[in-house]
Amino acid sequence: GNPPKMIKHVRELAEQLFKNENPNPHIAF
């Protein structure tokens, strides 16, 4: 029932997904 909290959780999950796929973002090929 709380969209702002839901959006915050979605953003946290998105950040975790990004970190899982890019463990070393400074290394670019």
mmCIF file of all heavy atoms, coordinates in Angstrom:
data_MODEL
# 
_entry.id   MODEL 
# 
loop_
_atom_site.group_PDB 
_atom_site.id 
_atom_site.type_symbol 
_atom_site.label_atom_id 
_atom_site.label_alt_id 
_atom_site.label_comp_id 
_atom_site.label_asym_id 
_atom_site.label_entity_id 
_atom_site.label_seq_id 
_atom_site.pdbx_PDB_ins_code 
_atom_site.Cartn_x 
_atom_site.Cartn_y 
_atom_site.Cartn_z 
_atom_site.occupancy 
_atom_site.B_iso_or_equiv 
_atom_site.pdbx_formal_charge 
_atom_site.auth_seq_id 
_atom_site.auth_comp_id 
_atom_site.auth_asym_id 
_atom_site.auth_atom_id 
_atom_site.pdbx_PDB_model_num 
ATOM 1   N N   . GLY A 1 1  ? 0.802  -1.219  0.000   1.00 0.00 ? 1  GLY A N   1 
ATOM 2   C CA  . GLY A 1 1  ? 0.000  0.000   0.000   1.00 0.00 ? 1  GLY A CA  1 
ATOM 3   C C   . GLY A 1 1  ? 0.833  1.267   0.000   1.00 0.00 ? 1  GLY A C   1 
ATOM 4   O O   . GLY A 1 1  ? 0.292  2.364   0.119   1.00 0.00 ? 1  GLY A O   1 
ATOM 5   N N   . ASN A 1 2  ? 2.148  1.141   -0.128  1.00 0.00 ? 2  ASN A N   1 
ATOM 6   C CA  . ASN A 1 2  ? 3.024  2.297   -0.034  1.00 0.00 ? 2  ASN A CA  1 
ATOM 7   C C   . ASN A 1 2  ? 3.951  2.367   -1.251  1.00 0.00 ? 2  ASN A C   1 
ATOM 8   O O   . ASN A 1 2  ? 5.055  1.826   -1.226  1.00 0.00 ? 2  ASN A O   1 
ATOM 9   C CB  . ASN A 1 2  ? 3.840  2.197   1.259   1.00 0.00 ? 2  ASN A CB  1 
ATOM 10  C CG  . ASN A 1 2  ? 4.534  3.488   1.599   1.00 0.00 ? 2  ASN A CG  1 
ATOM 11  O OD1 . ASN A 1 2  ? 4.742  4.341   0.740   1.00 0.00 ? 2  ASN A OD1 1 
ATOM 12  N ND2 . ASN A 1 2  ? 4.903  3.624   2.864   1.00 0.00 ? 2  ASN A ND2 1 
ATOM 13  N N   . PRO A 1 3  ? 3.509  3.051   -2.323  1.00 0.00 ? 3  PRO A N   1 
ATOM 14  C CA  . PRO A 1 3  ? 4.311  3.108   -3.552  1.00 0.00 ? 3  PRO A CA  1 
ATOM 15  C C   . PRO A 1 3  ? 5.737  3.658   -3.376  1.00 0.00 ? 3  PRO A C   1 
ATOM 16  O O   . PRO A 1 3  ? 6.664  3.124   -3.978  1.00 0.00 ? 3  PRO A O   1 
ATOM 17  C CB  . PRO A 1 3  ? 3.488  3.990   -4.488  1.00 0.00 ? 3  PRO A CB  1 
ATOM 18  C CG  . PRO A 1 3  ? 2.094  3.844   -4.008  1.00 0.00 ? 3  PRO A CG  1 
ATOM 19  C CD  . PRO A 1 3  ? 2.197  3.668   -2.519  1.00 0.00 ? 3  PRO A CD  1 
ATOM 20  N N   . PRO A 1 4  ? 5.975  4.704   -2.561  1.00 0.00 ? 4  PRO A N   1 
ATOM 21  C CA  . PRO A 1 4  ? 7.363  5.179   -2.415  1.00 0.00 ? 4  PRO A CA  1 
ATOM 22  C C   . PRO A 1 4  ? 8.307  4.108   -1.855  1.00 0.00 ? 4  PRO A C   1 
ATOM 23  O O   . PRO A 1 4  ? 9.440  3.971   -2.300  1.00 0.00 ? 4  PRO A O   1 
ATOM 24  C CB  . PRO A 1 4  ? 7.249  6.373   -1.458  1.00 0.00 ? 4  PRO A CB  1 
ATOM 25  C CG  . PRO A 1 4  ? 5.856  6.853   -1.631  1.00 0.00 ? 4  PRO A CG  1 
ATOM 26  C CD  . PRO A 1 4  ? 5.040  5.617   -1.893  1.00 0.00 ? 4  PRO A CD  1 
ATOM 27  N N   . LYS A 1 5  ? 7.822  3.320   -0.877  1.00 0.00 ? 5  LYS A N   1 
ATOM 28  C CA  . LYS A 1 5  ? 8.651  2.248   -0.321  1.00 0.00 ? 5  LYS A CA  1 
ATOM 29  C C   . LYS A 1 5  ? 8.887  1.155   -1.361  1.00 0.00 ? 5  LYS A C   1 
ATOM 30  O O   . LYS A 1 5  ? 9.966  0.589   -1.446  1.00 0.00 ? 5  LYS A O   1 
ATOM 31  C CB  . LYS A 1 5  ? 7.988  1.636   0.916   1.00 0.00 ? 5  LYS A CB  1 
ATOM 32  C CG  . LYS A 1 5  ? 8.158  2.448   2.162   1.00 0.00 ? 5  LYS A CG  1 
ATOM 33  C CD  . LYS A 1 5  ? 7.643  1.700   3.364   1.00 0.00 ? 5  LYS A CD  1 
ATOM 34  C CE  . LYS A 1 5  ? 7.869  2.484   4.635   1.00 0.00 ? 5  LYS A CE  1 
ATOM 35  N NZ  . LYS A 1 5  ? 7.392  1.759   5.818   1.00 0.00 ? 5  LYS A NZ  1 
ATOM 36  N N   . MET A 1 6  ? 7.854  0.879   -2.149  1.00 0.00 ? 6  MET A N   1 
ATOM 37  C CA  . MET A 1 6  ? 7.976  -0.136  -3.191  1.00 0.00 ? 6  MET A CA  1 
ATOM 38  C C   . MET A 1 6  ? 9.011  0.294   -4.234  1.00 0.00 ? 6  MET A C   1 
ATOM 39  O O   . MET A 1 6  ? 9.858  -0.498  -4.646  1.00 0.00 ? 6  MET A O   1 
ATOM 40  C CB  . MET A 1 6  ? 6.612  -0.371  -3.858  1.00 0.00 ? 6  MET A CB  1 
ATOM 41  C CG  . MET A 1 6  ? 6.565  -1.565  -4.770  1.00 0.00 ? 6  MET A CG  1 
ATOM 42  S SD  . MET A 1 6  ? 4.964  -1.791  -5.570  1.00 0.00 ? 6  MET A SD  1 
ATOM 43  C CE  . MET A 1 6  ? 3.835  -1.828  -4.210  1.00 0.00 ? 6  MET A CE  1 
ATOM 44  N N   . ILE A 1 7  ? 8.965  1.557   -4.635  1.00 0.00 ? 7  ILE A N   1 
ATOM 45  C CA  . ILE A 1 7  ? 9.913  2.079   -5.623  1.00 0.00 ? 7  ILE A CA  1 
ATOM 46  C C   . ILE A 1 7  ? 11.340 2.038   -5.052  1.00 0.00 ? 7  ILE A C   1 
ATOM 47  O O   . ILE A 1 7  ? 12.286 1.688   -5.755  1.00 0.00 ? 7  ILE A O   1 
ATOM 48  C CB  . ILE A 1 7  ? 9.511  3.504   -6.055  1.00 0.00 ? 7  ILE A CB  1 
ATOM 49  C CG1 . ILE A 1 7  ? 8.233  3.432   -6.893  1.00 0.00 ? 7  ILE A CG1 1 
ATOM 50  C CG2 . ILE A 1 7  ? 10.627 4.187   -6.830  1.00 0.00 ? 7  ILE A CG2 1 
ATOM 51  C CD1 . ILE A 1 7  ? 7.603  4.773   -7.185  1.00 0.00 ? 7  ILE A CD1 1 
ATOM 52  N N   . LYS A 1 8  ? 11.476 2.363   -3.773  1.00 0.00 ? 8  LYS A N   1 
ATOM 53  C CA  . LYS A 1 8  ? 12.791 2.309   -3.137  1.00 0.00 ? 8  LYS A CA  1 
ATOM 54  C C   . LYS A 1 8  ? 13.331 0.875   -3.169  1.00 0.00 ? 8  LYS A C   1 
ATOM 55  O O   . LYS A 1 8  ? 14.502 0.654   -3.478  1.00 0.00 ? 8  LYS A O   1 
ATOM 56  C CB  . LYS A 1 8  ? 12.699 2.817   -1.696  1.00 0.00 ? 8  LYS A CB  1 
ATOM 57  C CG  . LYS A 1 8  ? 14.023 2.823   -0.974  1.00 0.00 ? 8  LYS A CG  1 
ATOM 58  C CD  . LYS A 1 8  ? 13.878 3.282   0.454   1.00 0.00 ? 8  LYS A CD  1 
ATOM 59  C CE  . LYS A 1 8  ? 15.238 3.187   1.134   1.00 0.00 ? 8  LYS A CE  1 
ATOM 60  N NZ  . LYS A 1 8  ? 15.116 3.060   2.569   1.00 0.00 ? 8  LYS A NZ  1 
ATOM 61  N N   . HIS A 1 9  ? 12.480 -0.089  -2.856  1.00 0.00 ? 9  HIS A N   1 
ATOM 62  C CA  . HIS A 1 9  ? 12.907 -1.493  -2.881  1.00 0.00 ? 9  HIS A CA  1 
ATOM 63  C C   . HIS A 1 9  ? 13.271 -1.935  -4.295  1.00 0.00 ? 9  HIS A C   1 
ATOM 64  O O   . HIS A 1 9  ? 14.261 -2.642  -4.506  1.00 0.00 ? 9  HIS A O   1 
ATOM 65  C CB  . HIS A 1 9  ? 11.805 -2.388  -2.305  1.00 0.00 ? 9  HIS A CB  1 
ATOM 66  C CG  . HIS A 1 9  ? 12.232 -3.802  -2.125  1.00 0.00 ? 9  HIS A CG  1 
ATOM 67  N ND1 . HIS A 1 9  ? 11.427 -4.861  -2.458  1.00 0.00 ? 9  HIS A ND1 1 
ATOM 68  C CD2 . HIS A 1 9  ? 13.384 -4.347  -1.659  1.00 0.00 ? 9  HIS A CD2 1 
ATOM 69  C CE1 . HIS A 1 9  ? 12.054 -5.984  -2.208  1.00 0.00 ? 9  HIS A CE1 1 
ATOM 70  N NE2 . HIS A 1 9  ? 13.247 -5.703  -1.717  1.00 0.00 ? 9  HIS A NE2 1 
ATOM 71  N N   . VAL A 1 10 ? 12.500 -1.511  -5.284  1.00 0.00 ? 10 VAL A N   1 
ATOM 72  C CA  . VAL A 1 10 ? 12.803 -1.848  -6.688  1.00 0.00 ? 10 VAL A CA  1 
ATOM 73  C C   . VAL A 1 10 ? 14.165 -1.280  -7.080  1.00 0.00 ? 10 VAL A C   1 
ATOM 74  O O   . VAL A 1 10 ? 14.967 -1.957  -7.735  1.00 0.00 ? 10 VAL A O   1 
ATOM 75  C CB  . VAL A 1 10 ? 11.688 -1.333  -7.630  1.00 0.00 ? 10 VAL A CB  1 
ATOM 76  C CG1 . VAL A 1 10 ? 12.141 -1.339  -9.076  1.00 0.00 ? 10 VAL A CG1 1 
ATOM 77  C CG2 . VAL A 1 10 ? 10.432 -2.160  -7.463  1.00 0.00 ? 10 VAL A CG2 1 
ATOM 78  N N   . ARG A 1 11 ? 14.448 -0.057  -6.648  1.00 0.00 ? 11 ARG A N   1 
ATOM 79  C CA  . ARG A 1 11 ? 15.751 0.553   -6.969  1.00 0.00 ? 11 ARG A CA  1 
ATOM 80  C C   . ARG A 1 11 ? 16.895 -0.189  -6.278  1.00 0.00 ? 11 ARG A C   1 
ATOM 81  O O   . ARG A 1 11 ? 17.969 -0.353  -6.848  1.00 0.00 ? 11 ARG A O   1 
ATOM 82  C CB  . ARG A 1 11 ? 15.746 2.030   -6.615  1.00 0.00 ? 11 ARG A CB  1 
ATOM 83  C CG  . ARG A 1 11 ? 14.874 2.801   -7.586  1.00 0.00 ? 11 ARG A CG  1 
ATOM 84  C CD  . ARG A 1 11 ? 15.089 4.286   -7.517  1.00 0.00 ? 11 ARG A CD  1 
ATOM 85  N NE  . ARG A 1 11 ? 14.330 4.920   -8.588  1.00 0.00 ? 11 ARG A NE  1 
ATOM 86  C CZ  . ARG A 1 11 ? 13.558 5.969   -8.417  1.00 0.00 ? 11 ARG A CZ  1 
ATOM 87  N NH1 . ARG A 1 11 ? 13.449 6.545   -7.231  1.00 0.00 ? 11 ARG A NH1 1 
ATOM 88  N NH2 . ARG A 1 11 ? 12.890 6.477   -9.440  1.00 0.00 ? 11 ARG A NH2 1 
ATOM 89  N N   . GLU A 1 12 ? 16.665 -0.646  -5.047  1.00 0.00 ? 12 GLU A N   1 
ATOM 90  C CA  . GLU A 1 12 ? 17.688 -1.440  -4.345  1.00 0.00 ? 12 GLU A CA  1 
ATOM 91  C C   . GLU A 1 12 ? 17.952 -2.751  -5.082  1.00 0.00 ? 12 GLU A C   1 
ATOM 92  O O   . GLU A 1 12 ? 19.102 -3.162  -5.251  1.00 0.00 ? 12 GLU A O   1 
ATOM 93  C CB  . GLU A 1 12 ? 17.251 -1.739  -2.911  1.00 0.00 ? 12 GLU A CB  1 
ATOM 94  C CG  . GLU A 1 12 ? 17.261 -0.549  -1.992  1.00 0.00 ? 12 GLU A CG  1 
ATOM 95  C CD  . GLU A 1 12 ? 16.606 -0.850  -0.648  1.00 0.00 ? 12 GLU A CD  1 
ATOM 96  O OE1 . GLU A 1 12 ? 16.272 -2.028  -0.366  1.00 0.00 ? 12 GLU A OE1 1 
ATOM 97  O OE2 . GLU A 1 12 ? 16.422 0.100   0.130   1.00 0.00 ? 12 GLU A OE2 1 
ATOM 98  N N   . LEU A 1 13 ? 16.876 -3.399  -5.516  1.00 0.00 ? 13 LEU A N   1 
ATOM 99  C CA  . LEU A 1 13 ? 17.024 -4.650  -6.279  1.00 0.00 ? 13 LEU A CA  1 
ATOM 100 C C   . LEU A 1 13 ? 17.756 -4.400  -7.594  1.00 0.00 ? 13 LEU A C   1 
ATOM 101 O O   . LEU A 1 13 ? 18.617 -5.198  -7.996  1.00 0.00 ? 13 LEU A O   1 
ATOM 102 C CB  . LEU A 1 13 ? 15.658 -5.279  -6.553  1.00 0.00 ? 13 LEU A CB  1 
ATOM 103 C CG  . LEU A 1 13 ? 14.914 -5.870  -5.359  1.00 0.00 ? 13 LEU A CG  1 
ATOM 104 C CD1 . LEU A 1 13 ? 13.512 -6.289  -5.774  1.00 0.00 ? 13 LEU A CD1 1 
ATOM 105 C CD2 . LEU A 1 13 ? 15.675 -7.034  -4.778  1.00 0.00 ? 13 LEU A CD2 1 
ATOM 106 N N   . ALA A 1 14 ? 17.417 -3.301  -8.263  1.00 0.00 ? 14 ALA A N   1 
ATOM 107 C CA  . ALA A 1 14 ? 18.073 -2.969  -9.530  1.00 0.00 ? 14 ALA A CA  1 
ATOM 108 C C   . ALA A 1 14 ? 19.568 -2.747  -9.313  1.00 0.00 ? 14 ALA A C   1 
ATOM 109 O O   . ALA A 1 14 ? 20.396 -3.184  -10.118 1.00 0.00 ? 14 ALA A O   1 
ATOM 110 C CB  . ALA A 1 14 ? 17.437 -1.729  -10.146 1.00 0.00 ? 14 ALA A CB  1 
ATOM 111 N N   . GLU A 1 15 ? 19.910 -2.101  -8.212  1.00 0.00 ? 15 GLU A N   1 
ATOM 112 C CA  . GLU A 1 15 ? 21.327 -1.881  -7.907  1.00 0.00 ? 15 GLU A CA  1 
ATOM 113 C C   . GLU A 1 15 ? 22.043 -3.204  -7.643  1.00 0.00 ? 15 GLU A C   1 
ATOM 114 O O   . GLU A 1 15 ? 23.165 -3.413  -8.100  1.00 0.00 ? 15 GLU A O   1 
ATOM 115 C CB  . GLU A 1 15 ? 21.441 -0.960  -6.683  1.00 0.00 ? 15 GLU A CB  1 
ATOM 116 C CG  . GLU A 1 15 ? 22.848 -0.518  -6.404  1.00 0.00 ? 15 GLU A CG  1 
ATOM 117 C CD  . GLU A 1 15 ? 22.907 0.481   -5.252  1.00 0.00 ? 15 GLU A CD  1 
ATOM 118 O OE1 . GLU A 1 15 ? 22.036 1.354   -5.180  1.00 0.00 ? 15 GLU A OE1 1 
ATOM 119 O OE2 . GLU A 1 15 ? 23.828 0.360   -4.441  1.00 0.00 ? 15 GLU A OE2 1 
ATOM 120 N N   . GLN A 1 16 ? 21.371 -4.125  -6.941  1.00 0.00 ? 16 GLN A N   1 
ATOM 121 C CA  . GLN A 1 16 ? 21.969 -5.439  -6.705  1.00 0.00 ? 16 GLN A CA  1 
ATOM 122 C C   . GLN A 1 16 ? 22.139 -6.209  -8.013  1.00 0.00 ? 16 GLN A C   1 
ATOM 123 O O   . GLN A 1 16 ? 23.159 -6.870  -8.215  1.00 0.00 ? 16 GLN A O   1 
ATOM 124 C CB  . GLN A 1 16 ? 21.116 -6.252  -5.740  1.00 0.00 ? 16 GLN A CB  1 
ATOM 125 C CG  . GLN A 1 16 ? 21.220 -5.777  -4.310  1.00 0.00 ? 16 GLN A CG  1 
ATOM 126 C CD  . GLN A 1 16 ? 20.321 -6.566  -3.389  1.00 0.00 ? 16 GLN A CD  1 
ATOM 127 O OE1 . GLN A 1 16 ? 19.194 -6.920  -3.745  1.00 0.00 ? 16 GLN A OE1 1 
ATOM 128 N NE2 . GLN A 1 16 ? 20.810 -6.845  -2.204  1.00 0.00 ? 16 GLN A NE2 1 
ATOM 129 N N   . LEU A 1 17 ? 21.155 -6.121  -8.899  1.00 0.00 ? 17 LEU A N   1 
ATOM 130 C CA  . LEU A 1 17 ? 21.278 -6.779  -10.205 1.00 0.00 ? 17 LEU A CA  1 
ATOM 131 C C   . LEU A 1 17 ? 22.452 -6.203  -10.984 1.00 0.00 ? 17 LEU A C   1 
ATOM 132 O O   . LEU A 1 17 ? 23.216 -6.937  -11.614 1.00 0.00 ? 17 LEU A O   1 
ATOM 133 C CB  . LEU A 1 17 ? 19.982 -6.610  -11.009 1.00 0.00 ? 17 LEU A CB  1 
ATOM 134 C CG  . LEU A 1 17 ? 18.779 -7.416  -10.541 1.00 0.00 ? 17 LEU A CG  1 
ATOM 135 C CD1 . LEU A 1 17 ? 17.520 -6.953  -11.277 1.00 0.00 ? 17 LEU A CD1 1 
ATOM 136 C CD2 . LEU A 1 17 ? 19.007 -8.890  -10.751 1.00 0.00 ? 17 LEU A CD2 1 
ATOM 137 N N   . PHE A 1 18 ? 22.597 -4.884  -10.943 1.00 0.00 ? 18 PHE A N   1 
ATOM 138 C CA  . PHE A 1 18 ? 23.701 -4.234  -11.650 1.00 0.00 ? 18 PHE A CA  1 
ATOM 139 C C   . PHE A 1 18 ? 25.045 -4.687  -11.080 1.00 0.00 ? 18 PHE A C   1 
ATOM 140 O O   . PHE A 1 18 ? 25.967 -5.008  -11.823 1.00 0.00 ? 18 PHE A O   1 
ATOM 141 C CB  . PHE A 1 18 ? 23.567 -2.718  -11.563 1.00 0.00 ? 18 PHE A CB  1 
ATOM 142 C CG  . PHE A 1 18 ? 24.668 -1.990  -12.288 1.00 0.00 ? 18 PHE A CG  1 
ATOM 143 C CD1 . PHE A 1 18 ? 24.655 -1.903  -13.669 1.00 0.00 ? 18 PHE A CD1 1 
ATOM 144 C CD2 . PHE A 1 18 ? 25.717 -1.420  -11.592 1.00 0.00 ? 18 PHE A CD2 1 
ATOM 145 C CE1 . PHE A 1 18 ? 25.672 -1.247  -14.356 1.00 0.00 ? 18 PHE A CE1 1 
ATOM 146 C CE2 . PHE A 1 18 ? 26.735 -0.759  -12.256 1.00 0.00 ? 18 PHE A CE2 1 
ATOM 147 C CZ  . PHE A 1 18 ? 26.715 -0.674  -13.645 1.00 0.00 ? 18 PHE A CZ  1 
ATOM 148 N N   . LYS A 1 19 ? 25.150 -4.740  -9.757  1.00 0.00 ? 19 LYS A N   1 
ATOM 149 C CA  . LYS A 1 19 ? 26.405 -5.166  -9.121  1.00 0.00 ? 19 LYS A CA  1 
ATOM 150 C C   . LYS A 1 19 ? 26.707 -6.632  -9.428  1.00 0.00 ? 19 LYS A C   1 
ATOM 151 O O   . LYS A 1 19 ? 27.873 -6.999  -9.575  1.00 0.00 ? 19 LYS A O   1 
ATOM 152 C CB  . LYS A 1 19 ? 26.342 -4.949  -7.608  1.00 0.00 ? 19 LYS A CB  1 
ATOM 153 C CG  . LYS A 1 19 ? 26.491 -3.506  -7.213  1.00 0.00 ? 19 LYS A CG  1 
ATOM 154 C CD  . LYS A 1 19 ? 26.406 -3.341  -5.715  1.00 0.00 ? 19 LYS A CD  1 
ATOM 155 C CE  . LYS A 1 19 ? 26.493 -1.888  -5.322  1.00 0.00 ? 19 LYS A CE  1 
ATOM 156 N NZ  . LYS A 1 19 ? 26.303 -1.698  -3.877  1.00 0.00 ? 19 LYS A NZ  1 
ATOM 157 N N   . ASN A 1 20 ? 25.680 -7.466  -9.514  1.00 0.00 ? 20 ASN A N   1 
ATOM 158 C CA  . ASN A 1 20 ? 25.895 -8.881  -9.839  1.00 0.00 ? 20 ASN A CA  1 
ATOM 159 C C   . ASN A 1 20 ? 26.453 -9.044  -11.246 1.00 0.00 ? 20 ASN A C   1 
ATOM 160 O O   . ASN A 1 20 ? 27.263 -9.929  -11.497 1.00 0.00 ? 20 ASN A O   1 
ATOM 161 C CB  . ASN A 1 20 ? 24.598 -9.676  -9.714  1.00 0.00 ? 20 ASN A CB  1 
ATOM 162 C CG  . ASN A 1 20 ? 24.226 -9.942  -8.278  1.00 0.00 ? 20 ASN A CG  1 
ATOM 163 O OD1 . ASN A 1 20 ? 25.034 -9.783  -7.377  1.00 0.00 ? 20 ASN A OD1 1 
ATOM 164 N ND2 . ASN A 1 20 ? 22.992 -10.343 -8.068  1.00 0.00 ? 20 ASN A ND2 1 
ATOM 165 N N   . GLU A 1 21 ? 26.000 -8.208  -12.166 1.00 0.00 ? 21 GLU A N   1 
ATOM 166 C CA  . GLU A 1 21 ? 26.432 -8.330  -13.556 1.00 0.00 ? 21 GLU A CA  1 
ATOM 167 C C   . GLU A 1 21 ? 27.714 -7.566  -13.837 1.00 0.00 ? 21 GLU A C   1 
ATOM 168 O O   . GLU A 1 21 ? 28.415 -7.868  -14.798 1.00 0.00 ? 21 GLU A O   1 
ATOM 169 C CB  . GLU A 1 21 ? 25.329 -7.841  -14.494 1.00 0.00 ? 21 GLU A CB  1 
ATOM 170 C CG  . GLU A 1 21 ? 24.124 -8.739  -14.487 1.00 0.00 ? 21 GLU A CG  1 
ATOM 171 C CD  . GLU A 1 21 ? 23.011 -8.231  -15.362 1.00 0.00 ? 21 GLU A CD  1 
ATOM 172 O OE1 . GLU A 1 21 ? 23.229 -7.275  -16.115 1.00 0.00 ? 21 GLU A OE1 1 
ATOM 173 O OE2 . GLU A 1 21 ? 21.911 -8.793  -15.273 1.00 0.00 ? 21 GLU A OE2 1 
ATOM 174 N N   . ASN A 1 22 ? 28.027 -6.563  -13.035 1.00 0.00 ? 22 ASN A N   1 
ATOM 175 C CA  . ASN A 1 22 ? 29.227 -5.740  -13.246 1.00 0.00 ? 22 ASN A CA  1 
ATOM 176 C C   . ASN A 1 22 ? 30.013 -5.643  -11.938 1.00 0.00 ? 22 ASN A C   1 
ATOM 177 O O   . ASN A 1 22 ? 30.011 -4.607  -11.286 1.00 0.00 ? 22 ASN A O   1 
ATOM 178 C CB  . ASN A 1 22 ? 28.835 -4.335  -13.712 1.00 0.00 ? 22 ASN A CB  1 
ATOM 179 C CG  . ASN A 1 22 ? 28.016 -4.363  -14.960 1.00 0.00 ? 22 ASN A CG  1 
ATOM 180 O OD1 . ASN A 1 22 ? 28.416 -4.944  -15.954 1.00 0.00 ? 22 ASN A OD1 1 
ATOM 181 N ND2 . ASN A 1 22 ? 26.850 -3.751  -14.911 1.00 0.00 ? 22 ASN A ND2 1 
ATOM 182 N N   . PRO A 1 23 ? 30.692 -6.738  -11.534 1.00 0.00 ? 23 PRO A N   1 
ATOM 183 C CA  . PRO A 1 23 ? 31.413 -6.680  -10.258 1.00 0.00 ? 23 PRO A CA  1 
ATOM 184 C C   . PRO A 1 23 ? 32.563 -5.674  -10.266 1.00 0.00 ? 23 PRO A C   1 
ATOM 185 O O   . PRO A 1 23 ? 32.911 -5.125  -9.245  1.00 0.00 ? 23 PRO A O   1 
ATOM 186 C CB  . PRO A 1 23 ? 31.927 -8.104  -10.068 1.00 0.00 ? 23 PRO A CB  1 
ATOM 187 C CG  . PRO A 1 23 ? 31.899 -8.725  -11.413 1.00 0.00 ? 23 PRO A CG  1 
ATOM 188 C CD  . PRO A 1 23 ? 30.833 -8.022  -12.191 1.00 0.00 ? 23 PRO A CD  1 
ATOM 189 N N   . ASN A 1 24 ? 33.161 -5.406  -11.428 1.00 0.00 ? 24 ASN A N   1 
ATOM 190 C CA  . ASN A 1 24 ? 34.233 -4.419  -11.559 1.00 0.00 ? 24 ASN A CA  1 
ATOM 191 C C   . ASN A 1 24 ? 33.848 -3.412  -12.634 1.00 0.00 ? 24 ASN A C   1 
ATOM 192 O O   . ASN A 1 24 ? 34.294 -3.507  -13.771 1.00 0.00 ? 24 ASN A O   1 
ATOM 193 C CB  . ASN A 1 24 ? 35.558 -5.097  -11.936 1.00 0.00 ? 24 ASN A CB  1 
ATOM 194 C CG  . ASN A 1 24 ? 36.075 -5.975  -10.830 1.00 0.00 ? 24 ASN A CG  1 
ATOM 195 O OD1 . ASN A 1 24 ? 35.895 -5.672  -9.660  1.00 0.00 ? 24 ASN A OD1 1 
ATOM 196 N ND2 . ASN A 1 24 ? 36.723 -7.061  -11.194 1.00 0.00 ? 24 ASN A ND2 1 
ATOM 197 N N   . PRO A 1 25 ? 33.016 -2.418  -12.304 1.00 0.00 ? 25 PRO A N   1 
ATOM 198 C CA  . PRO A 1 25 ? 32.544 -1.484  -13.331 1.00 0.00 ? 25 PRO A CA  1 
ATOM 199 C C   . PRO A 1 25 ? 33.646 -0.610  -13.921 1.00 0.00 ? 25 PRO A C   1 
ATOM 200 O O   . PRO A 1 25 ? 33.490 -0.099  -15.018 1.00 0.00 ? 25 PRO A O   1 
ATOM 201 C CB  . PRO A 1 25 ? 31.513 -0.636  -12.602 1.00 0.00 ? 25 PRO A CB  1 
ATOM 202 C CG  . PRO A 1 25 ? 31.844 -0.772  -11.170 1.00 0.00 ? 25 PRO A CG  1 
ATOM 203 C CD  . PRO A 1 25 ? 32.494 -2.116  -10.996 1.00 0.00 ? 25 PRO A CD  1 
ATOM 204 N N   . HIS A 1 26 ? 34.786 -0.464  -13.212 1.00 0.00 ? 26 HIS A N   1 
ATOM 205 C CA  . HIS A 1 26 ? 35.854 0.387   -13.740 1.00 0.00 ? 26 HIS A CA  1 
ATOM 206 C C   . HIS A 1 26 ? 36.638 -0.293  -14.857 1.00 0.00 ? 26 HIS A C   1 
ATOM 207 O O   . HIS A 1 26 ? 37.356 0.357   -15.589 1.00 0.00 ? 26 HIS A O   1 
ATOM 208 C CB  . HIS A 1 26 ? 36.799 0.817   -12.611 1.00 0.00 ? 26 HIS A CB  1 
ATOM 209 C CG  . HIS A 1 26 ? 37.482 -0.332  -11.936 1.00 0.00 ? 26 HIS A CG  1 
ATOM 210 N ND1 . HIS A 1 26 ? 36.877 -1.063  -10.947 1.00 0.00 ? 26 HIS A ND1 1 
ATOM 211 C CD2 . HIS A 1 26 ? 38.690 -0.884  -12.132 1.00 0.00 ? 26 HIS A CD2 1 
ATOM 212 C CE1 . HIS A 1 26 ? 37.695 -2.012  -10.545 1.00 0.00 ? 26 HIS A CE1 1 
ATOM 213 N NE2 . HIS A 1 26 ? 38.806 -1.936  -11.246 1.00 0.00 ? 26 HIS A NE2 1 
ATOM 214 N N   . ILE A 1 27 ? 36.503 -1.613  -14.979 1.00 0.00 ? 27 ILE A N   1 
ATOM 215 C CA  . ILE A 1 27 ? 37.192 -2.329  -16.050 1.00 0.00 ? 27 ILE A CA  1 
ATOM 216 C C   . ILE A 1 27 ? 36.263 -2.410  -17.249 1.00 0.00 ? 27 ILE A C   1 
ATOM 217 O O   . ILE A 1 27 ? 35.192 -2.991  -17.183 1.00 0.00 ? 27 ILE A O   1 
ATOM 218 C CB  . ILE A 1 27 ? 37.591 -3.749  -15.606 1.00 0.00 ? 27 ILE A CB  1 
ATOM 219 C CG1 . ILE A 1 27 ? 38.562 -3.673  -14.429 1.00 0.00 ? 27 ILE A CG1 1 
ATOM 220 C CG2 . ILE A 1 27 ? 38.218 -4.513  -16.765 1.00 0.00 ? 27 ILE A CG2 1 
ATOM 221 C CD1 . ILE A 1 27 ? 38.889 -5.029  -13.839 1.00 0.00 ? 27 ILE A CD1 1 
ATOM 222 N N   . ALA A 1 28 ? 36.667 -1.807  -18.343 1.00 0.00 ? 28 ALA A N   1 
ATOM 223 C CA  . ALA A 1 28 ? 35.845 -1.826  -19.555 1.00 0.00 ? 28 ALA A CA  1 
ATOM 224 C C   . ALA A 1 28 ? 36.671 -2.421  -20.689 1.00 0.00 ? 28 ALA A C   1 
ATOM 225 O O   . ALA A 1 28 ? 37.856 -2.140  -20.821 1.00 0.00 ? 28 ALA A O   1 
ATOM 226 C CB  . ALA A 1 28 ? 35.396 -0.419  -19.915 1.00 0.00 ? 28 ALA A CB  1 
ATOM 227 N N   . PHE A 1 29 ? 36.030 -3.258  -21.464 1.00 0.00 ? 29 PHE A N   1 
ATOM 228 C CA  . PHE A 1 29 ? 36.712 -3.870  -22.589 1.00 0.00 ? 29 PHE A CA  1 
ATOM 229 C C   . PHE A 1 29 ? 36.227 -3.215  -23.875 1.00 0.00 ? 29 PHE A C   1 
ATOM 230 O O   . PHE A 1 29 ? 35.037 -3.124  -24.120 1.00 0.00 ? 29 PHE A O   1 
ATOM 231 C CB  . PHE A 1 29 ? 36.421 -5.371  -22.645 1.00 0.00 ? 29 PHE A CB  1 
ATOM 232 C CG  . PHE A 1 29 ? 36.943 -6.094  -21.443 1.00 0.00 ? 29 PHE A CG  1 
ATOM 233 C CD1 . PHE A 1 29 ? 36.089 -6.448  -20.402 1.00 0.00 ? 29 PHE A CD1 1 
ATOM 234 C CD2 . PHE A 1 29 ? 38.282 -6.409  -21.338 1.00 0.00 ? 29 PHE A CD2 1 
ATOM 235 C CE1 . PHE A 1 29 ? 36.571 -7.110  -19.293 1.00 0.00 ? 29 PHE A CE1 1 
ATOM 236 C CE2 . PHE A 1 29 ? 38.766 -7.068  -20.230 1.00 0.00 ? 29 PHE A CE2 1 
ATOM 237 C CZ  . PHE A 1 29 ? 37.919 -7.413  -19.205 1.00 0.00 ? 29 PHE A CZ  1 
# 
